[in-house]
Amino acid sequence: MIFTGTEILFFTLGVITTLSAIALINWNKNYHFSWKSWALLILGFFLLIFSIAWAVSSVLEGEPRSASMGLVLFGVLGLIILALGRNVVMKESK
C-alpha cells in the first residue's frame, strides 16, 4: 500500500489549512480585518482543523466514541468562534 490513513490525513489537513489561509486573505481584501477579527477567525479555523484531525486519528486508532466527542467539543466550539469572528467583521465593515 502506498498511502496509509495517517499520510492521507496529513495531506488533507495541509490542503484544508492552505485553502483556509487563502480564504482569509481574500476576505481580508474585501473587509479589512482588525486584530480581533484575525484572532477569532484564525482560532475558529484552527479548532475546526484540529477537530477533523482528532476525529480521523481517533477512528484510525479504533476509538469512535473519542472521535465523535472531539467533533462535538472542538468542532462546535470552532463554529461558534467563527460565527463570533464573522459578526465582528460585519460590525466593523459598516
PDB file of N, CA and C in Angstrom:
ATOM      1  N   MET A   1       0.856  -1.169   0.000  1.00  0.00           N
ATOM      2  CA  MET A   1       0.000   0.000   0.000  1.00  0.00           C
ATOM      3  C   MET A   1       0.905   1.236   0.000  1.00  0.00           C
ATOM      4  N   ILE A   2       0.566   2.188  -0.833  1.00  0.00           N
ATOM      5  CA  ILE A   2       1.398   3.381  -0.970  1.00  0.00           C
ATOM      6  C   ILE A   2       1.103   4.381   0.144  1.00  0.00           C
ATOM      7  N   PHE A   3      -0.169   4.676   0.356  1.00  0.00           N
ATOM      8  CA  PHE A   3      -0.542   5.675   1.353  1.00  0.00           C
ATOM      9  C   PHE A   3      -1.315   5.028   2.490  1.00  0.00           C
ATOM     10  N   THR A   4      -0.951   5.389   3.711  1.00  0.00           N
ATOM     11  CA  THR A   4      -1.698   4.920   4.873  1.00  0.00           C
ATOM     12  C   THR A   4      -2.710   5.991   5.265  1.00  0.00           C
ATOM     13  N   GLY A   5      -3.541   5.684   6.228  1.00  0.00           N
ATOM     14  CA  GLY A   5      -4.548   6.636   6.668  1.00  0.00           C
ATOM     15  C   GLY A   5      -3.947   7.900   7.242  1.00  0.00           C
ATOM     16  N   THR A   6      -2.846   7.764   7.967  1.00  0.00           N
ATOM     17  CA  THR A   6      -2.200   8.921   8.574  1.00  0.00           C
ATOM     18  C   THR A   6      -1.609   9.845   7.507  1.00  0.00           C
ATOM     19  N   GLU A   7      -1.022   9.268   6.469  1.00  0.00           N
ATOM     20  CA  GLU A   7      -0.453  10.101   5.404  1.00  0.00           C
ATOM     21  C   GLU A   7      -1.543  10.857   4.659  1.00  0.00           C
ATOM     22  N   ILE A   8      -2.649  10.206   4.405  1.00  0.00           N
ATOM     23  CA  ILE A   8      -3.771  10.874   3.751  1.00  0.00           C
ATOM     24  C   ILE A   8      -4.333  11.961   4.654  1.00  0.00           C
ATOM     25  N   LEU A   9      -4.393  11.706   5.958  1.00  0.00           N
ATOM     26  CA  LEU A   9      -4.866  12.711   6.913  1.00  0.00           C
ATOM     27  C   LEU A   9      -3.998  13.965   6.865  1.00  0.00           C
ATOM     28  N   PHE A  10      -2.677  13.794   6.929  1.00  0.00           N
ATOM     29  CA  PHE A  10      -1.802  14.968   6.940  1.00  0.00           C
ATOM     30  C   PHE A  10      -1.841  15.712   5.616  1.00  0.00           C
ATOM     31  N   PHE A  11      -1.955  15.004   4.500  1.00  0.00           N
ATOM     32  CA  PHE A  11      -2.078  15.671   3.213  1.00  0.00           C
ATOM     33  C   PHE A  11      -3.368  16.479   3.153  1.00  0.00           C
ATOM     34  N   THR A  12      -4.470  15.894   3.594  1.00  0.00           N
ATOM     35  CA  THR A  12      -5.763  16.584   3.582  1.00  0.00           C
ATOM     36  C   THR A  12      -5.750  17.781   4.518  1.00  0.00           C
ATOM     37  N   LEU A  13      -5.148  17.644   5.687  1.00  0.00           N
ATOM     38  CA  LEU A  13      -5.048  18.770   6.611  1.00  0.00           C
ATOM     39  C   LEU A  13      -4.209  19.904   6.013  1.00  0.00           C
ATOM     40  N   GLY A  14      -3.174  19.572   5.278  1.00  0.00           N
ATOM     41  CA  GLY A  14      -2.382  20.592   4.608  1.00  0.00           C
ATOM     42  C   GLY A  14      -3.179  21.339   3.554  1.00  0.00           C
ATOM     43  N   VAL A  15      -3.985  20.605   2.800  1.00  0.00           N
ATOM     44  CA  VAL A  15      -4.831  21.236   1.782  1.00  0.00           C
ATOM     45  C   VAL A  15      -5.869  22.136   2.441  1.00  0.00           C
ATOM     46  N   ILE A  16      -6.510  21.649   3.501  1.00  0.00           N
ATOM     47  CA  ILE A  16      -7.530  22.444   4.189  1.00  0.00           C
ATOM     48  C   ILE A  16      -6.912  23.696   4.811  1.00  0.00           C
ATOM     49  N   THR A  17      -5.734  23.568   5.407  1.00  0.00           N
ATOM     50  CA  THR A  17      -5.061  24.713   6.010  1.00  0.00           C
ATOM     51  C   THR A  17      -4.707  25.754   4.947  1.00  0.00           C
ATOM     52  N   THR A  18      -4.205  25.301   3.814  1.00  0.00           N
ATOM     53  CA  THR A  18      -3.855  26.218   2.733  1.00  0.00           C
ATOM     54  C   THR A  18      -5.081  26.926   2.188  1.00  0.00           C
ATOM     55  N   LEU A  19      -6.160  26.188   1.968  1.00  0.00           N
ATOM     56  CA  LEU A  19      -7.388  26.807   1.468  1.00  0.00           C
ATOM     57  C   LEU A  19      -7.982  27.787   2.476  1.00  0.00           C
ATOM     58  N   SER A  20      -7.877  27.458   3.765  1.00  0.00           N
ATOM     59  CA  SER A  20      -8.366  28.375   4.803  1.00  0.00           C
ATOM     60  C   SER A  20      -7.564  29.668   4.827  1.00  0.00           C
ATOM     61  N   ALA A  21      -6.246  29.547   4.686  1.00  0.00           N
ATOM     62  CA  ALA A  21      -5.399  30.749   4.672  1.00  0.00           C
ATOM     63  C   ALA A  21      -5.702  31.604   3.451  1.00  0.00           C
ATOM     64  N   ILE A  22      -5.881  30.987   2.291  1.00  0.00           N
ATOM     65  CA  ILE A  22      -6.214  31.735   1.083  1.00  0.00           C
ATOM     66  C   ILE A  22      -7.569  32.415   1.234  1.00  0.00           C
ATOM     67  N   ALA A  23      -8.540  31.720   1.820  1.00  0.00           N
ATOM     68  CA  ALA A  23      -9.866  32.315   2.019  1.00  0.00           C
ATOM     69  C   ALA A  23      -9.799  33.506   2.964  1.00  0.00           C
ATOM     70  N   LEU A  24      -9.037  33.392   4.059  1.00  0.00           N
ATOM     71  CA  LEU A  24      -8.901  34.510   4.996  1.00  0.00           C
ATOM     72  C   LEU A  24      -8.234  35.718   4.337  1.00  0.00           C
ATOM     73  N   ILE A  25      -7.214  35.484   3.533  1.00  0.00           N
ATOM     74  CA  ILE A  25      -6.529  36.585   2.850  1.00  0.00           C
ATOM     75  C   ILE A  25      -7.462  37.264   1.853  1.00  0.00           C
ATOM     76  N   ASN A  26      -8.245  36.471   1.117  1.00  0.00           N
ATOM     77  CA  ASN A  26      -9.189  37.062   0.160  1.00  0.00           C
ATOM     78  C   ASN A  26     -10.292  37.840   0.867  1.00  0.00           C
ATOM     79  N   TRP A  27     -10.795  37.323   1.984  1.00  0.00           N
ATOM     80  CA  TRP A  27     -11.829  38.042   2.739  1.00  0.00           C
ATOM     81  C   TRP A  27     -11.257  39.324   3.334  1.00  0.00           C
ATOM     82  N   ASN A  28      -9.980  39.288   3.706  1.00  0.00           N
ATOM     83  CA  ASN A  28      -9.358  40.479   4.274  1.00  0.00           C
ATOM     84  C   ASN A  28      -9.270  41.601   3.236  1.00  0.00           C
ATOM     85  N   LYS A  29      -9.112  41.254   1.966  1.00  0.00           N
ATOM     86  CA  LYS A  29      -9.072  42.272   0.916  1.00  0.00           C
ATOM     87  C   LYS A  29     -10.402  43.011   0.824  1.00  0.00           C
ATOM     88  N   ASN A  30     -11.509  42.317   1.086  1.00  0.00           N
ATOM     89  CA  ASN A  30     -12.831  42.934   0.979  1.00  0.00           C
ATOM     90  C   ASN A  30     -13.256  43.650   2.255  1.00  0.00           C
ATOM     91  N   TYR A  31     -12.896  43.116   3.427  1.00  0.00           N
ATOM     92  CA  TYR A  31     -13.440  43.630   4.680  1.00  0.00           C
ATOM     93  C   TYR A  31     -12.415  44.306   5.581  1.00  0.00           C
ATOM     94  N   HIS A  32     -11.135  44.144   5.363  1.00  0.00           N
ATOM     95  CA  HIS A  32     -10.070  44.744   6.175  1.00  0.00           C
ATOM     96  C   HIS A  32     -10.253  44.423   7.659  1.00  0.00           C
ATOM     97  N   PHE A  33      -9.824  43.225   8.032  1.00  0.00           N
ATOM     98  CA  PHE A  33      -9.992  42.718   9.397  1.00  0.00           C
ATOM     99  C   PHE A  33      -9.176  43.518  10.398  1.00  0.00           C
ATOM    100  N   SER A  34      -9.709  43.612  11.613  1.00  0.00           N
ATOM    101  CA  SER A  34      -8.942  44.149  12.734  1.00  0.00           C
ATOM    102  C   SER A  34      -8.216  42.981  13.405  1.00  0.00           C
ATOM    103  N   TRP A  35      -7.448  43.301  14.446  1.00  0.00           N
ATOM    104  CA  TRP A  35      -6.720  42.226  15.130  1.00  0.00           C
ATOM    105  C   TRP A  35      -7.685  41.274  15.832  1.00  0.00           C
ATOM    106  N   LYS A  36      -8.833  41.792  16.310  1.00  0.00           N
ATOM    107  CA  LYS A  36      -9.816  40.911  16.962  1.00  0.00           C
ATOM    108  C   LYS A  36     -10.412  39.928  15.954  1.00  0.00           C
ATOM    109  N   SER A  37     -10.700  40.436  14.763  1.00  0.00           N
ATOM    110  CA  SER A  37     -11.253  39.576  13.715  1.00  0.00           C
ATOM    111  C   SER A  37     -10.266  38.489  13.326  1.00  0.00           C
ATOM    112  N   TRP A  38      -9.004  38.892  13.116  1.00  0.00           N
ATOM    113  CA  TRP A  38      -7.982  37.912  12.772  1.00  0.00           C
ATOM    114  C   TRP A  38      -7.866  36.841  13.849  1.00  0.00           C
ATOM    115  N   ALA A  39      -7.832  37.263  15.098  1.00  0.00           N
ATOM    116  CA  ALA A  39      -7.662  36.308  16.202  1.00  0.00           C
ATOM    117  C   ALA A  39      -8.825  35.321  16.257  1.00  0.00           C
ATOM    118  N   LEU A  40     -10.049  35.819  16.154  1.00  0.00           N
ATOM    119  CA  LEU A  40     -11.211  34.934  16.232  1.00  0.00           C
ATOM    120  C   LEU A  40     -11.286  33.995  15.033  1.00  0.00           C
ATOM    121  N   LEU A  41     -11.051  34.515  13.842  1.00  0.00           N
ATOM    122  CA  LEU A  41     -11.162  33.674  12.648  1.00  0.00           C
ATOM    123  C   LEU A  41     -10.057  32.623  12.588  1.00  0.00           C
ATOM    124  N   ILE A  42      -8.845  32.995  12.950  1.00  0.00           N
ATOM    125  CA  ILE A  42      -7.754  32.017  12.948  1.00  0.00           C
ATOM    126  C   ILE A  42      -7.990  30.950  14.011  1.00  0.00           C
ATOM    127  N   LEU A  43      -8.442  31.363  15.196  1.00  0.00           N
ATOM    128  CA  LEU A  43      -8.734  30.390  16.251  1.00  0.00           C
ATOM    129  C   LEU A  43      -9.873  29.454  15.837  1.00  0.00           C
ATOM    130  N   GLY A  44     -10.906  30.003  15.196  1.00  0.00           N
ATOM    131  CA  GLY A  44     -12.025  29.175  14.739  1.00  0.00           C
ATOM    132  C   GLY A  44     -11.598  28.165  13.696  1.00  0.00           C
ATOM    133  N   PHE A  45     -10.806  28.607  12.701  1.00  0.00           N
ATOM    134  CA  PHE A  45     -10.318  27.671  11.684  1.00  0.00           C
ATOM    135  C   PHE A  45      -9.391  26.634  12.303  1.00  0.00           C
ATOM    136  N   PHE A  46      -8.545  27.058  13.234  1.00  0.00           N
ATOM    137  CA  PHE A  46      -7.645  26.109  13.897  1.00  0.00           C
ATOM    138  C   PHE A  46      -8.433  25.029  14.633  1.00  0.00           C
ATOM    139  N   LEU A  47      -9.486  25.437  15.351  1.00  0.00           N
ATOM    140  CA  LEU A  47     -10.277  24.441  16.087  1.00  0.00           C
ATOM    141  C   LEU A  47     -11.008  23.488  15.145  1.00  0.00           C
ATOM    142  N   LEU A  48     -11.497  23.993  14.016  1.00  0.00           N
ATOM    143  CA  LEU A  48     -12.152  23.098  13.062  1.00  0.00           C
ATOM    144  C   LEU A  48     -11.171  22.096  12.467  1.00  0.00           C
ATOM    145  N   ILE A  49      -9.992  22.567  12.103  1.00  0.00           N
ATOM    146  CA  ILE A  49      -8.980  21.661  11.551  1.00  0.00           C
ATOM    147  C   ILE A  49      -8.520  20.670  12.618  1.00  0.00           C
ATOM    148  N   PHE A  50      -8.370  21.138  13.840  1.00  0.00           N
ATOM    149  CA  PHE A  50      -7.995  20.254  14.941  1.00  0.00           C
ATOM    150  C   PHE A  50      -9.065  19.191  15.178  1.00  0.00           C
ATOM    151  N   SER A  51     -10.338  19.570  15.084  1.00  0.00           N
ATOM    152  CA  SER A  51     -11.404  18.592  15.308  1.00  0.00           C
ATOM    153  C   SER A  51     -11.402  17.521  14.220  1.00  0.00           C
ATOM    154  N   ILE A  52     -11.103  17.909  12.984  1.00  0.00           N
ATOM    155  CA  ILE A  52     -11.013  16.923  11.904  1.00  0.00           C
ATOM    156  C   ILE A  52      -9.845  15.975  12.167  1.00  0.00           C
ATOM    157  N   ALA A  53      -8.691  16.531  12.545  1.00  0.00           N
ATOM    158  CA  ALA A  53      -7.521  15.700  12.834  1.00  0.00           C
ATOM    159  C   ALA A  53      -7.794  14.760  14.007  1.00  0.00           C
ATOM    160  N   TRP A  54      -8.443  15.274  15.036  1.00  0.00           N
ATOM    161  CA  TRP A  54      -8.772  14.463  16.209  1.00  0.00           C
ATOM    162  C   TRP A  54      -9.686  13.305  15.824  1.00  0.00           C
ATOM    163  N   ALA A  55     -10.723  13.615  15.057  1.00  0.00           N
ATOM    164  CA  ALA A  55     -11.709  12.595  14.702  1.00  0.00           C
ATOM    165  C   ALA A  55     -11.092  11.503  13.827  1.00  0.00           C
ATOM    166  N   VAL A  56     -10.345  11.891  12.820  1.00  0.00           N
ATOM    167  CA  VAL A  56      -9.768  10.893  11.917  1.00  0.00           C
ATOM    168  C   VAL A  56      -8.730  10.048  12.636  1.00  0.00           C
ATOM    169  N   SER A  57      -7.886  10.674  13.433  1.00  0.00           N
ATOM    170  CA  SER A  57      -6.877   9.886  14.149  1.00  0.00           C
ATOM    171  C   SER A  57      -7.518   8.965  15.183  1.00  0.00           C
ATOM    172  N   SER A  58      -8.597   9.403  15.808  1.00  0.00           N
ATOM    173  CA  SER A  58      -9.286   8.537  16.774  1.00  0.00           C
ATOM    174  C   SER A  58      -9.933   7.347  16.078  1.00  0.00           C
ATOM    175  N   VAL A  59     -10.518   7.563  14.915  1.00  0.00           N
ATOM    176  CA  VAL A  59     -11.110   6.446  14.177  1.00  0.00           C
ATOM    177  C   VAL A  59     -10.023   5.477  13.723  1.00  0.00           C
ATOM    178  N   LEU A  60      -8.889   6.008  13.262  1.00  0.00           N
ATOM    179  CA  LEU A  60      -7.788   5.139  12.849  1.00  0.00           C
ATOM    180  C   LEU A  60      -7.241   4.318  13.999  1.00  0.00           C
ATOM    181  N   GLU A  61      -7.331   4.834  15.224  1.00  0.00           N
ATOM    182  CA  GLU A  61      -6.874   4.093  16.398  1.00  0.00           C
ATOM    183  C   GLU A  61      -7.955   3.194  16.980  1.00  0.00           C
ATOM    184  N   GLY A  62      -9.157   3.220  16.410  1.00  0.00           N
ATOM    185  CA  GLY A  62     -10.229   2.351  16.872  1.00  0.00           C
ATOM    186  C   GLY A  62     -11.022   2.908  18.041  1.00  0.00           C
ATOM    187  N   GLU A  63     -11.103   4.203  18.156  1.00  0.00           N
ATOM    188  CA  GLU A  63     -11.849   4.856  19.236  1.00  0.00           C
ATOM    189  C   GLU A  63     -12.933   5.768  18.663  1.00  0.00           C
ATOM    190  N   PRO A  64     -14.028   5.203  18.173  1.00  0.00           N
ATOM    191  CA  PRO A  64     -15.060   6.045  17.542  1.00  0.00           C
ATOM    192  C   PRO A  64     -15.767   6.989  18.515  1.00  0.00           C
ATOM    193  N   ARG A  65     -15.882   6.605  19.772  1.00  0.00           N
ATOM    194  CA  ARG A  65     -16.524   7.495  20.744  1.00  0.00           C
ATOM    195  C   ARG A  65     -15.681   8.750  20.978  1.00  0.00           C
ATOM    196  N   SER A  66     -14.374   8.577  21.050  1.00  0.00           N
ATOM    197  CA  SER A  66     -13.481   9.728  21.180  1.00  0.00           C
ATOM    198  C   SER A  66     -13.572  10.631  19.955  1.00  0.00           C
ATOM    199  N   ALA A  67     -13.723  10.035  18.778  1.00  0.00           N
ATOM    200  CA  ALA A  67     -13.850  10.824  17.550  1.00  0.00           C
ATOM    201  C   ALA A  67     -15.104  11.679  17.570  1.00  0.00           C
ATOM    202  N   SER A  68     -16.217  11.089  17.968  1.00  0.00           N
ATOM    203  CA  SER A  68     -17.467  11.852  17.977  1.00  0.00           C
ATOM    204  C   SER A  68     -17.454  12.927  19.054  1.00  0.00           C
ATOM    205  N   MET A  69     -16.883  12.635  20.209  1.00  0.00           N
ATOM    206  CA  MET A  69     -16.812  13.649  21.261  1.00  0.00           C
ATOM    207  C   MET A  69     -15.865  14.780  20.876  1.00  0.00           C
ATOM    208  N   GLY A  70     -14.780  14.464  20.180  1.00  0.00           N
ATOM    209  CA  GLY A  70     -13.866  15.503  19.708  1.00  0.00           C
ATOM    210  C   GLY A  70     -14.530  16.410  18.687  1.00  0.00           C
ATOM    211  N   LEU A  71     -15.327  15.805  17.785  1.00  0.00           N
ATOM    212  CA  LEU A  71     -16.052  16.634  16.814  1.00  0.00           C
ATOM    213  C   LEU A  71     -17.070  17.528  17.499  1.00  0.00           C
ATOM    214  N   VAL A  72     -17.766  16.983  18.481  1.00  0.00           N
ATOM    215  CA  VAL A  72     -18.765  17.787  19.183  1.00  0.00           C
ATOM    216  C   VAL A  72     -18.093  18.917  19.964  1.00  0.00           C
ATOM    217  N   LEU A  73     -17.066  18.597  20.708  1.00  0.00           N
ATOM    218  CA  LEU A  73     -16.429  19.597  21.555  1.00  0.00           C
ATOM    219  C   LEU A  73     -15.670  20.638  20.734  1.00  0.00           C
ATOM    220  N   PHE A  74     -14.704  20.191  19.948  1.00  0.00           N
ATOM    221  CA  PHE A  74     -13.849  21.131  19.227  1.00  0.00           C
ATOM    222  C   PHE A  74     -14.530  21.709  17.987  1.00  0.00           C
ATOM    223  N   GLY A  75     -15.300  20.888  17.281  1.00  0.00           N
ATOM    224  CA  GLY A  75     -15.957  21.361  16.071  1.00  0.00           C
ATOM    225  C   GLY A  75     -17.023  22.404  16.340  1.00  0.00           C
ATOM    226  N   VAL A  76     -17.863  22.153  17.328  1.00  0.00           N
ATOM    227  CA  VAL A  76     -18.914  23.119  17.661  1.00  0.00           C
ATOM    228  C   VAL A  76     -18.297  24.397  18.227  1.00  0.00           C
ATOM    229  N   LEU A  77     -17.278  24.264  19.067  1.00  0.00           N
ATOM    230  CA  LEU A  77     -16.599  25.441  19.596  1.00  0.00           C
ATOM    231  C   LEU A  77     -15.960  26.260  18.466  1.00  0.00           C
ATOM    232  N   GLY A  78     -15.372  25.574  17.491  1.00  0.00           N
ATOM    233  CA  GLY A  78     -14.796  26.266  16.345  1.00  0.00           C
ATOM    234  C   GLY A  78     -15.838  27.005  15.530  1.00  0.00           C
ATOM    235  N   LEU A  79     -16.994  26.381  15.324  1.00  0.00           N
ATOM    236  CA  LEU A  79     -18.073  27.047  14.581  1.00  0.00           C
ATOM    237  C   LEU A  79     -18.595  28.267  15.327  1.00  0.00           C
ATOM    238  N   ILE A  80     -18.710  28.163  16.644  1.00  0.00           N
ATOM    239  CA  ILE A  80     -19.184  29.299  17.440  1.00  0.00           C
ATOM    240  C   ILE A  80     -18.181  30.451  17.360  1.00  0.00           C
ATOM    241  N   ILE A  81     -16.900  30.148  17.468  1.00  0.00           N
ATOM    242  CA  ILE A  81     -15.888  31.199  17.402  1.00  0.00           C
ATOM    243  C   ILE A  81     -15.842  31.808  16.007  1.00  0.00           C
ATOM    244  N   LEU A  82     -16.005  30.995  14.955  1.00  0.00           N
ATOM    245  CA  LEU A  82     -16.069  31.547  13.600  1.00  0.00           C
ATOM    246  C   LEU A  82     -17.272  32.467  13.429  1.00  0.00           C
ATOM    247  N   ALA A  83     -18.398  32.099  14.004  1.00  0.00           N
ATOM    248  CA  ALA A  83     -19.579  32.962  13.919  1.00  0.00           C
ATOM    249  C   ALA A  83     -19.344  34.275  14.649  1.00  0.00           C
ATOM    250  N   LEU A  84     -18.698  34.218  15.811  1.00  0.00           N
ATOM    251  CA  LEU A  84     -18.367  35.453  16.531  1.00  0.00           C
ATOM    252  C   LEU A  84     -17.400  36.320  15.720  1.00  0.00           C
ATOM    253  N   GLY A  85     -16.427  35.691  15.099  1.00  0.00           N
ATOM    254  CA  GLY A  85     -15.489  36.432  14.261  1.00  0.00           C
ATOM    255  C   GLY A  85     -16.168  37.074  13.076  1.00  0.00           C
ATOM    256  N   ARG A  86     -17.117  36.364  12.474  1.00  0.00           N
ATOM    257  CA  ARG A  86     -17.876  36.922  11.353  1.00  0.00           C
ATOM    258  C   ARG A  86     -18.701  38.119  11.807  1.00  0.00           C
ATOM    259  N   ASN A  87     -19.309  38.026  12.982  1.00  0.00           N
ATOM    260  CA  ASN A  87     -20.080  39.150  13.500  1.00  0.00           C
ATOM    261  C   ASN A  87     -19.196  40.375  13.746  1.00  0.00           C
ATOM    262  N   VAL A  88     -17.995  40.148  14.272  1.00  0.00           N
ATOM    263  CA  VAL A  88     -17.071  41.267  14.496  1.00  0.00           C
ATOM    264  C   VAL A  88     -16.694  41.900  13.156  1.00  0.00           C
ATOM    265  N   VAL A  89     -16.436  41.076  12.139  1.00  0.00           N
ATOM    266  CA  VAL A  89     -16.082  41.596  10.822  1.00  0.00           C
ATOM    267  C   VAL A  89     -17.240  42.418  10.241  1.00  0.00           C
ATOM    268  N   MET A  90     -18.445  41.914  10.352  1.00  0.00           N
ATOM    269  CA  MET A  90     -19.605  42.615   9.771  1.00  0.00           C
ATOM    270  C   MET A  90     -19.896  43.924  10.519  1.00  0.00           C
ATOM    271  N   LYS A  91     -19.702  43.943  11.830  1.00  0.00           N
ATOM    272  CA  LYS A  91     -19.917  45.190  12.584  1.00  0.00           C
ATOM    273  C   LYS A  91     -18.880  46.238  12.214  1.00  0.00           C
ATOM    274  N   GLU A  92     -17.639  45.809  12.017  1.00  0.00           N
ATOM    275  CA  GLU A  92     -16.577  46.768  11.700  1.00  0.00           C
ATOM    276  C   GLU A  92     -16.631  47.241  10.255  1.00  0.00           C
ATOM    277  N   SER A  93     -17.248  46.464   9.363  1.00  0.00           N
ATOM    278  CA  SER A  93     -17.278  46.846   7.962  1.00  0.00           C
ATOM    279  C   SER A  93     -18.383  47.844   7.651  1.00  0.00           C
ATOM    280  N   LYS A  94     -19.314  48.068   8.579  1.00  0.00           N
ATOM    281  CA  LYS A  94     -20.409  49.019   8.332  1.00  0.00           C
ATOM    282  C   LYS A  94     -19.956  50.437   8.387  1.00  0.00           C
TER     283      LYS A  94
END
